[in-house]
Amino acid sequence: MRIWDLSVEHLCRNHLLAEHRELHAIWNIVLNDRRGYSRHPEVMRWRGRLRALWRRHEEEKVEMLRRGYAHRSPLYLKDIPRRHRSAVQGVLLESIESQRRKLRMKGCECVTKRKSR
């Protein structure tokens, strides 16, 4: 599971769509107190921060539409319980530079030289 801490426009098609699927998985695990993967570090860093995750989803949606992809999986702010409403995600599992390096090593079409978000 991974939600990159880089701007969505930097992600190649595969990483953008994979992140979108994983974001929905994290959303459901946190929102519905699901057990599967609930202790995964990526899931843990979004606990209490579903508003920030929702904002990332909105960025993904805009980027997907800009690239001509369909988006049919909305998330709703009204569904977020008070305890998960933080709009700030300040927890990094690894540095931005480390994330850029990982993407460069994958040899995909991700743009890793531009500024991150």
Protein backbone atom coordinates (compact mmCIF):
# COMPACT_ATOMS: atom_id res chain seq x y z
CA MET A 1 0.00 0.00 0.00
CA ARG A 2 1.26 3.43 -0.85
CA ILE A 3 0.04 6.99 -1.12
CA TRP A 4 2.90 8.98 -2.60
CA ASP A 5 3.73 12.37 -1.13
CA LEU A 6 4.42 13.79 -4.59
CA SER A 7 1.97 15.77 -6.70
CA VAL A 8 -0.38 13.51 -8.61
CA GLU A 9 0.61 15.05 -11.95
CA HIS A 10 4.08 13.58 -11.41
CA LEU A 11 2.74 10.01 -11.36
CA CYS A 12 2.64 7.82 -14.44
CA ARG A 13 -0.62 6.16 -15.42
CA ASN A 14 0.12 2.94 -13.52
CA HIS A 15 1.12 4.67 -10.30
CA LEU A 16 -1.78 7.12 -10.43
CA LEU A 17 -4.38 4.40 -10.92
CA ALA A 18 -2.76 2.06 -8.38
CA GLU A 19 -2.63 4.84 -5.80
CA HIS A 20 -6.30 5.59 -6.44
CA ARG A 21 -7.24 1.95 -5.74
CA GLU A 22 -5.12 1.90 -2.59
CA LEU A 23 -6.55 5.20 -1.39
CA HIS A 24 -10.04 3.69 -1.57
CA ALA A 25 -8.82 0.66 0.37
CA ILE A 26 -7.30 2.87 3.09
CA TRP A 27 -10.48 4.99 3.21
CA ASN A 28 -12.63 1.88 3.78
CA ILE A 29 -10.28 0.36 6.34
CA VAL A 30 -10.15 3.55 8.42
CA LEU A 31 -13.75 4.69 7.97
CA ASN A 32 -15.31 1.28 8.60
CA ASP A 33 -12.79 -0.01 11.17
CA ARG A 34 -11.85 -2.95 8.95
CA ARG A 35 -9.21 -5.31 10.27
CA GLY A 36 -7.40 -6.28 7.08
CA TYR A 37 -4.24 -4.17 6.74
CA SER A 38 -5.38 -1.99 9.65
CA ARG A 39 -1.86 -2.07 11.15
CA HIS A 40 -0.09 -1.32 7.89
CA PRO A 41 2.06 1.83 8.31
CA GLU A 42 0.38 3.54 5.34
CA VAL A 43 -3.05 2.94 6.86
CA MET A 44 -1.89 4.07 10.30
CA ARG A 45 -0.62 7.40 9.00
CA TRP A 46 -4.10 8.27 7.65
CA ARG A 47 -5.99 7.52 10.87
CA GLY A 48 -7.51 10.78 12.07
CA ARG A 49 -6.71 12.38 8.71
CA LEU A 50 -9.48 11.27 6.37
CA ARG A 51 -10.15 14.87 5.33
CA ALA A 52 -6.55 15.03 4.07
CA LEU A 53 -7.05 11.68 2.33
CA TRP A 54 -10.26 13.00 0.76
CA ARG A 55 -8.32 16.01 -0.53
CA ARG A 56 -5.71 13.69 -2.08
CA HIS A 57 -8.55 11.77 -3.71
CA GLU A 58 -9.91 15.00 -5.19
CA GLU A 59 -6.44 15.74 -6.63
CA GLU A 60 -6.35 12.25 -8.14
CA LYS A 61 -9.84 12.68 -9.58
CA VAL A 62 -8.93 15.98 -11.26
CA GLU A 63 -5.74 14.46 -12.68
CA MET A 64 -7.56 11.37 -13.92
CA LEU A 65 -10.17 13.51 -15.69
CA ARG A 66 -7.43 15.75 -17.14
CA ARG A 67 -5.82 12.64 -18.64
CA GLY A 68 -9.14 11.50 -20.11
CA TYR A 69 -9.89 8.69 -17.65
CA ALA A 70 -13.35 8.13 -16.20
CA HIS A 71 -13.86 8.54 -12.46
CA ARG A 72 -16.82 6.76 -10.93
CA SER A 73 -15.82 6.28 -7.31
CA PRO A 74 -16.61 9.42 -5.30
CA LEU A 75 -15.78 9.87 -1.63
CA TYR A 76 -17.91 12.14 0.52
CA LEU A 77 -16.79 14.56 3.21
CA LYS A 78 -20.07 14.06 5.06
CA ASP A 79 -19.07 10.43 5.73
CA ILE A 80 -16.02 11.41 7.80
CA PRO A 81 -16.55 11.08 11.57
CA ARG A 82 -15.29 13.96 13.71
CA ARG A 83 -12.32 11.95 15.02
CA HIS A 84 -10.92 11.58 11.49
CA ARG A 85 -11.39 15.14 10.23
CA SER A 86 -7.83 16.47 10.23
CA ALA A 87 -7.08 18.07 6.86
CA VAL A 88 -3.31 17.94 7.37
CA GLN A 89 -1.07 14.98 6.56
CA GLY A 90 2.34 15.75 8.00
CA VAL A 91 3.50 12.19 8.61
CA LEU A 92 5.98 10.86 6.06
CA LEU A 93 7.00 7.21 6.03
CA GLU A 94 10.06 8.20 4.01
CA SER A 95 11.49 11.43 2.68
CA ILE A 96 10.28 13.03 -0.53
CA GLU A 97 13.71 12.51 -2.08
CA SER A 98 13.62 8.82 -1.17
CA GLN A 99 10.21 8.53 -2.84
CA ARG A 100 11.53 10.26 -5.97
CA ARG A 101 14.50 7.89 -6.02
CA LYS A 102 12.21 4.85 -5.77
CA LEU A 103 10.13 6.06 -8.69
CA ARG A 104 13.23 6.74 -10.81
CA MET A 105 14.47 3.21 -10.11
CA LYS A 106 11.19 1.74 -11.37
CA GLY A 107 11.95 3.04 -14.85
CA CYS A 108 8.37 4.15 -15.43
CA GLU A 109 7.15 7.43 -16.85
CA CYS A 110 6.75 9.17 -13.50
CA VAL A 111 8.21 12.67 -13.52
CA THR A 112 10.51 12.87 -10.53
CA LYS A 113 12.50 16.02 -11.19
CA ARG A 114 9.73 18.61 -10.68
CA LYS A 115 8.83 20.05 -7.31
CA SER A 116 6.63 17.95 -5.04
CA ARG A 117 3.43 19.27 -3.55
